[in-house]
């Protein structure tokens, strides 16, 4: 089965639907299987002590709450995302950061759900997601085995299909913190598919995850890594995403089946060189 490749748009659209469409275009042209967004209800998702903090933004100084409201897509914009992805023939889904957002996303009938690393310990939200019985990607950044156990048990209790995503939640992640060897460890421990959600700079680590058996690769996509936003520096530009998809598909061909055989192209050389 081919590696499932997700282009994480997240908040890299900066509240601009036209930027979101360009990112969808880039993901579709690259050959990705899906794009993913993040959905928040700012009043619920932002800690109280952060709401009134003033920060500098490209749109002037504003409170953190007002900033998050400005860059959060509303129903009209998600309706357009749904229409546009259907037109482009690419799946889309989103990770909800609160109960109200998960309820909002239900109307779109996406095939998939996502539990963000930050939400792994939100038992109420996880149970709500699992109750939908949609195939769910569960990121495991910042998490202990006990926390992963609790989330997995909820999904098993609800009989909801899931896949763990090995993840380090630093933005960007240092290469020496990737710990890709954990991918087969998680697969053996939880008897499930395990993918990789990467926040590193570059492509080689994501390709290494494929070699170690990752069944899904999720990377953030951006038009320009220098754009405003906390995730941009850990993202892959569209041209890089095209290369990433190409590399992954090439690796899938090169991995083979692990059986020792004489390839067809070797036969002529065998005849020539073996006397």
Protein backbone atom coordinates (compact mmCIF):
# COMPACT_ATOMS: atom_id res chain seq x y z
CA UNK A 1 0.00 0.00 0.00
CA UNK A 2 1.32 3.45 -0.91
CA UNK A 3 2.40 5.91 1.76
CA UNK A 4 -0.41 8.38 2.48
CA UNK A 5 0.97 11.91 2.07
CA UNK A 6 -0.67 14.82 3.90
CA UNK A 7 0.12 18.47 3.18
CA UNK A 8 -0.58 20.25 6.47
CA UNK A 9 -1.81 23.75 5.62
CA UNK A 10 -2.65 24.41 9.27
CA UNK A 11 -2.58 28.14 9.82
CA UNK A 12 -0.09 28.92 7.03
CA UNK A 13 -2.91 30.62 5.10
CA UNK A 14 -2.82 33.51 7.63
CA UNK A 15 -6.59 33.87 7.34
CA UNK A 16 -6.51 34.43 3.56
CA UNK A 17 -8.67 32.02 1.53
CA UNK A 18 -6.72 32.81 -1.66
CA UNK A 19 -3.47 31.70 0.00
CA UNK A 20 -5.27 28.54 1.16
CA UNK A 21 -6.35 27.84 -2.43
CA UNK A 22 -2.78 28.27 -3.70
CA UNK A 23 -1.60 25.79 -1.08
CA UNK A 24 -4.34 23.34 -2.08
CA UNK A 25 -3.24 23.76 -5.71
CA UNK A 26 0.37 23.06 -4.76
CA UNK A 27 -0.54 19.96 -2.76
CA UNK A 28 -2.75 18.60 -5.53
CA UNK A 29 -0.14 19.20 -8.24
CA UNK A 30 2.54 17.59 -6.05
CA UNK A 31 0.50 14.39 -5.83
CA UNK A 32 -0.43 14.57 -2.15
CA UNK A 33 -3.36 12.46 -0.96
CA UNK A 34 -4.86 15.11 1.32
CA UNK A 35 -4.53 18.57 2.79
CA UNK A 36 -5.17 19.30 6.45
CA UNK A 37 -6.28 22.41 8.30
CA UNK A 38 -6.57 23.31 11.99
CA UNK A 39 -9.87 24.48 13.49
CA UNK A 40 -10.13 26.45 16.72
CA UNK A 41 -12.77 28.41 18.57
CA UNK A 42 -10.43 31.16 19.83
CA UNK A 43 -12.54 31.97 22.90
CA UNK A 44 -12.26 28.33 24.00
CA UNK A 45 -8.83 27.30 22.73
CA UNK A 46 -6.79 30.24 24.01
CA UNK A 47 -5.81 30.25 27.71
CA UNK A 48 -7.35 33.13 29.66
CA UNK A 49 -3.97 34.64 30.57
CA UNK A 50 -3.06 34.87 26.86
CA UNK A 51 -6.22 36.47 25.50
CA UNK A 52 -5.39 40.09 26.37
CA UNK A 53 -1.67 39.91 25.59
CA UNK A 54 -0.85 42.45 22.87
CA UNK A 55 1.37 41.32 20.02
CA UNK A 56 2.75 42.79 16.83
CA UNK A 57 1.21 41.38 13.64
CA UNK A 58 1.29 42.30 9.93
CA UNK A 59 -2.13 43.89 10.55
CA UNK A 60 -0.96 46.07 13.42
CA UNK A 61 -0.82 45.58 17.19
CA UNK A 62 -3.74 43.59 18.59
CA UNK A 63 -4.59 41.25 21.44
CA UNK A 64 -3.79 37.61 20.97
CA UNK A 65 -7.52 36.81 21.00
CA UNK A 66 -8.26 39.32 18.24
CA UNK A 67 -5.31 38.03 16.24
CA UNK A 68 -6.52 34.43 16.45
CA UNK A 69 -10.01 35.50 15.44
CA UNK A 70 -8.60 37.31 12.41
CA UNK A 71 -6.69 34.32 11.07
CA UNK A 72 -9.39 31.70 11.85
CA UNK A 73 -11.54 30.61 8.91
CA UNK A 74 -15.31 30.80 9.34
CA UNK A 75 -18.09 28.68 7.85
CA UNK A 76 -18.17 30.49 4.50
CA UNK A 77 -14.45 29.91 4.04
CA UNK A 78 -14.66 26.24 5.00
CA UNK A 79 -17.54 25.85 2.57
CA UNK A 80 -15.21 27.22 -0.10
CA UNK A 81 -12.38 24.91 0.99
CA UNK A 82 -14.76 21.96 0.74
CA UNK A 83 -15.93 23.01 -2.73
CA UNK A 84 -12.42 23.77 -3.97
CA UNK A 85 -10.87 20.50 -2.75
CA UNK A 86 -13.71 18.54 -4.36
CA UNK A 87 -13.02 20.41 -7.60
CA UNK A 88 -9.30 19.63 -7.37
CA UNK A 89 -9.88 15.99 -6.48
CA UNK A 90 -7.98 16.04 -3.20
CA UNK A 91 -9.21 14.99 0.25
CA UNK A 92 -9.24 17.49 3.09
CA UNK A 93 -9.78 17.30 6.83
CA UNK A 94 -8.87 19.26 9.94
CA UNK A 95 -7.67 18.83 13.49
CA UNK A 96 -10.03 20.37 16.04
CA UNK A 97 -8.63 22.05 19.14
CA UNK A 98 -11.90 22.17 21.09
CA UNK A 99 -15.29 20.47 21.29
CA UNK A 100 -17.14 23.23 19.43
CA UNK A 101 -14.69 23.04 16.51
CA UNK A 102 -15.08 19.25 16.23
CA UNK A 103 -18.85 19.70 16.18
CA UNK A 104 -18.44 22.32 13.44
CA UNK A 105 -16.32 20.00 11.27
CA UNK A 106 -18.95 17.23 11.25
CA UNK A 107 -20.99 18.95 8.53
CA UNK A 108 -18.27 18.45 5.91
CA UNK A 109 -18.27 14.64 5.82
CA UNK A 110 -14.48 14.36 5.53
CA UNK A 111 -13.11 10.82 5.47
CA UNK A 112 -10.59 11.46 8.23
CA UNK A 113 -10.12 13.00 11.66
CA UNK A 114 -6.93 14.15 13.35
CA UNK A 115 -5.87 14.39 16.98
CA UNK A 116 -3.16 17.04 17.30
CA UNK A 117 -0.29 16.34 19.70
CA UNK A 118 -1.47 19.20 21.88
CA UNK A 119 -4.88 17.54 22.24
CA UNK A 120 -3.68 14.02 23.05
CA UNK A 121 -4.61 14.38 26.72
CA UNK A 122 -7.98 16.07 26.10
CA UNK A 123 -10.04 13.00 26.95
CA UNK A 124 -13.42 14.59 26.24
CA UNK A 125 -12.37 15.73 22.77
CA UNK A 126 -10.68 12.42 21.94
CA UNK A 127 -13.75 10.44 22.95
CA UNK A 128 -15.92 12.71 20.78
CA UNK A 129 -13.61 12.15 17.80
CA UNK A 130 -13.46 8.38 18.34
CA UNK A 131 -17.26 8.21 18.59
CA UNK A 132 -17.48 9.38 14.96
CA UNK A 133 -15.67 6.17 13.89
CA UNK A 134 -13.75 7.93 11.12
CA UNK A 135 -10.20 6.80 10.44
CA UNK A 136 -8.13 9.06 12.69
CA UNK A 137 -4.48 10.13 12.65
CA UNK A 138 -3.15 10.58 16.20
CA UNK A 139 0.02 12.67 16.60
CA UNK A 140 2.16 11.69 19.58
CA UNK A 141 4.48 14.68 20.04
CA UNK A 142 5.25 15.73 23.65
CA UNK A 143 3.60 12.54 24.92
CA UNK A 144 4.47 9.72 27.31
CA UNK A 145 3.61 6.08 26.71
CA UNK A 146 0.93 6.35 29.39
CA UNK A 147 -0.71 9.26 27.57
CA UNK A 148 -0.60 7.38 24.26
CA UNK A 149 -2.03 4.29 26.02
CA UNK A 150 -5.00 6.29 27.27
CA UNK A 151 -5.77 7.72 23.82
CA UNK A 152 -5.39 4.35 22.08
CA UNK A 153 -7.67 2.68 24.63
CA UNK A 154 -10.42 5.23 23.91
CA UNK A 155 -10.22 4.52 20.18
CA UNK A 156 -10.22 0.76 20.74
CA UNK A 157 -13.20 1.03 23.08
CA UNK A 158 -15.09 2.99 20.41
CA UNK A 159 -13.92 0.54 17.71
CA UNK A 160 -12.62 3.48 15.70
CA UNK A 161 -9.79 2.92 13.22
CA UNK A 162 -6.65 4.91 13.96
CA UNK A 163 -3.02 5.41 13.03
CA UNK A 164 -0.35 6.82 15.30
CA UNK A 165 1.97 9.51 13.93
CA UNK A 166 5.41 9.66 15.49
CA UNK A 167 6.15 13.33 16.03
CA UNK A 168 8.46 15.80 17.74
CA UNK A 169 6.57 19.02 18.41
CA UNK A 170 9.48 21.47 18.17
CA UNK A 171 9.10 24.05 15.37
CA UNK A 172 11.49 23.54 13.66
CA UNK A 173 12.78 20.25 15.04
CA UNK A 174 16.51 19.57 15.41
CA UNK A 175 17.72 16.68 13.26
CA UNK A 176 19.18 14.83 16.25
CA UNK A 177 15.77 14.81 17.97
CA UNK A 178 13.89 12.99 15.19
CA UNK A 179 14.29 9.55 16.85
CA UNK A 180 12.98 7.73 13.78
CA UNK A 181 13.77 4.35 15.34
CA UNK A 182 10.68 4.87 17.48
CA UNK A 183 8.46 4.24 14.42
CA UNK A 184 8.86 0.42 14.44
CA UNK A 185 8.82 0.45 18.25
CA UNK A 186 5.39 2.12 18.30
CA UNK A 187 4.16 -0.23 15.59
CA UNK A 188 5.17 -3.28 17.63
CA UNK A 189 3.82 -1.88 20.90
CA UNK A 190 0.38 -0.84 19.66
CA UNK A 191 -0.09 -3.30 16.77
CA UNK A 192 -1.19 -0.53 14.42
CA UNK A 193 0.02 1.53 11.50
CA UNK A 194 2.50 4.24 12.42
CA UNK A 195 3.25 7.30 10.30
CA UNK A 196 5.43 10.35 10.76
CA UNK A 197 4.47 14.00 11.24
CA UNK A 198 7.60 16.07 10.68
CA UNK A 199 8.61 19.60 11.66
CA UNK A 200 12.21 19.49 10.51
CA UNK A 201 13.92 21.62 7.89
CA UNK A 202 14.49 19.64 4.69
CA UNK A 203 13.24 16.36 3.27
CA UNK A 204 15.72 13.63 4.15
CA UNK A 205 14.32 12.79 7.59
CA UNK A 206 10.81 12.31 6.19
CA UNK A 207 12.29 9.99 3.56
CA UNK A 208 14.10 8.09 6.29
CA UNK A 209 10.79 7.63 8.08
CA UNK A 210 9.44 5.90 4.96
CA UNK A 211 12.39 3.49 4.94
CA UNK A 212 11.62 2.64 8.58
CA UNK A 213 8.05 1.75 7.67
CA UNK A 214 6.05 4.96 8.11
CA UNK A 215 2.66 4.47 6.47
CA UNK A 216 1.78 8.18 6.42
CA UNK A 217 3.94 11.28 6.01
CA UNK A 218 2.55 14.63 7.14
CA UNK A 219 4.48 17.85 6.54
CA UNK A 220 3.46 21.50 6.70
CA UNK A 221 3.22 23.23 3.32
CA UNK A 222 3.85 26.92 2.65
CA UNK A 223 4.22 29.33 -0.25
CA UNK A 224 7.32 30.85 1.37
CA UNK A 225 9.12 29.80 4.56
CA UNK A 226 9.81 33.47 5.28
CA UNK A 227 6.10 34.31 5.51
CA UNK A 228 4.60 35.46 8.81
CA UNK A 229 3.53 32.63 11.10
CA UNK A 230 4.92 30.29 13.75
CA UNK A 231 4.79 27.18 11.52
CA UNK A 232 6.33 28.63 8.35
CA UNK A 233 9.98 27.90 9.21
CA UNK A 234 9.18 24.21 9.80
CA UNK A 235 7.23 23.95 6.53
CA UNK A 236 8.07 22.79 3.01
CA UNK A 237 7.56 25.09 0.05
CA UNK A 238 5.52 23.83 -2.89
CA UNK A 239 8.54 22.96 -5.06
CA UNK A 240 9.99 21.03 -2.14
CA UNK A 241 6.72 19.16 -1.70
CA UNK A 242 6.87 18.04 -5.32
CA UNK A 243 10.33 16.62 -4.65
CA UNK A 244 9.21 15.00 -1.40
CA UNK A 245 6.34 13.16 -3.08
CA UNK A 246 8.65 12.06 -5.90
CA UNK A 247 11.27 10.81 -3.45
CA UNK A 248 8.68 8.86 -1.43
CA UNK A 249 7.21 7.21 -4.51
CA UNK A 250 10.73 6.32 -5.70
CA UNK A 251 11.56 4.82 -2.31
CA UNK A 252 8.41 2.72 -2.44
CA UNK A 253 9.60 1.20 -5.72
CA UNK A 254 13.14 0.74 -4.44
CA UNK A 255 12.13 -0.97 -1.16
CA UNK A 256 11.07 -4.15 -2.96
CA UNK A 257 9.72 -7.19 -1.14
CA UNK A 258 12.86 -8.25 0.75
CA UNK A 259 13.17 -11.55 -1.15
CA UNK A 260 16.50 -12.46 -2.70
CA UNK A 261 16.05 -12.96 -6.44
CA UNK A 262 18.01 -12.35 -9.62
CA UNK A 263 16.43 -9.37 -11.34
CA UNK A 264 15.58 -9.46 -15.02
CA UNK A 265 18.17 -6.79 -15.79
CA UNK A 266 20.85 -8.87 -14.02
CA UNK A 267 20.35 -11.93 -16.20
CA UNK A 268 22.31 -10.58 -19.17
CA UNK A 269 25.17 -9.52 -16.89
CA UNK A 270 25.09 -12.89 -15.16
CA UNK A 271 25.46 -14.65 -18.50
CA UNK A 272 28.32 -12.36 -19.48
CA UNK A 273 30.25 -12.32 -16.22
CA UNK A 274 29.63 -15.79 -14.76
CA UNK A 275 31.81 -18.27 -16.62
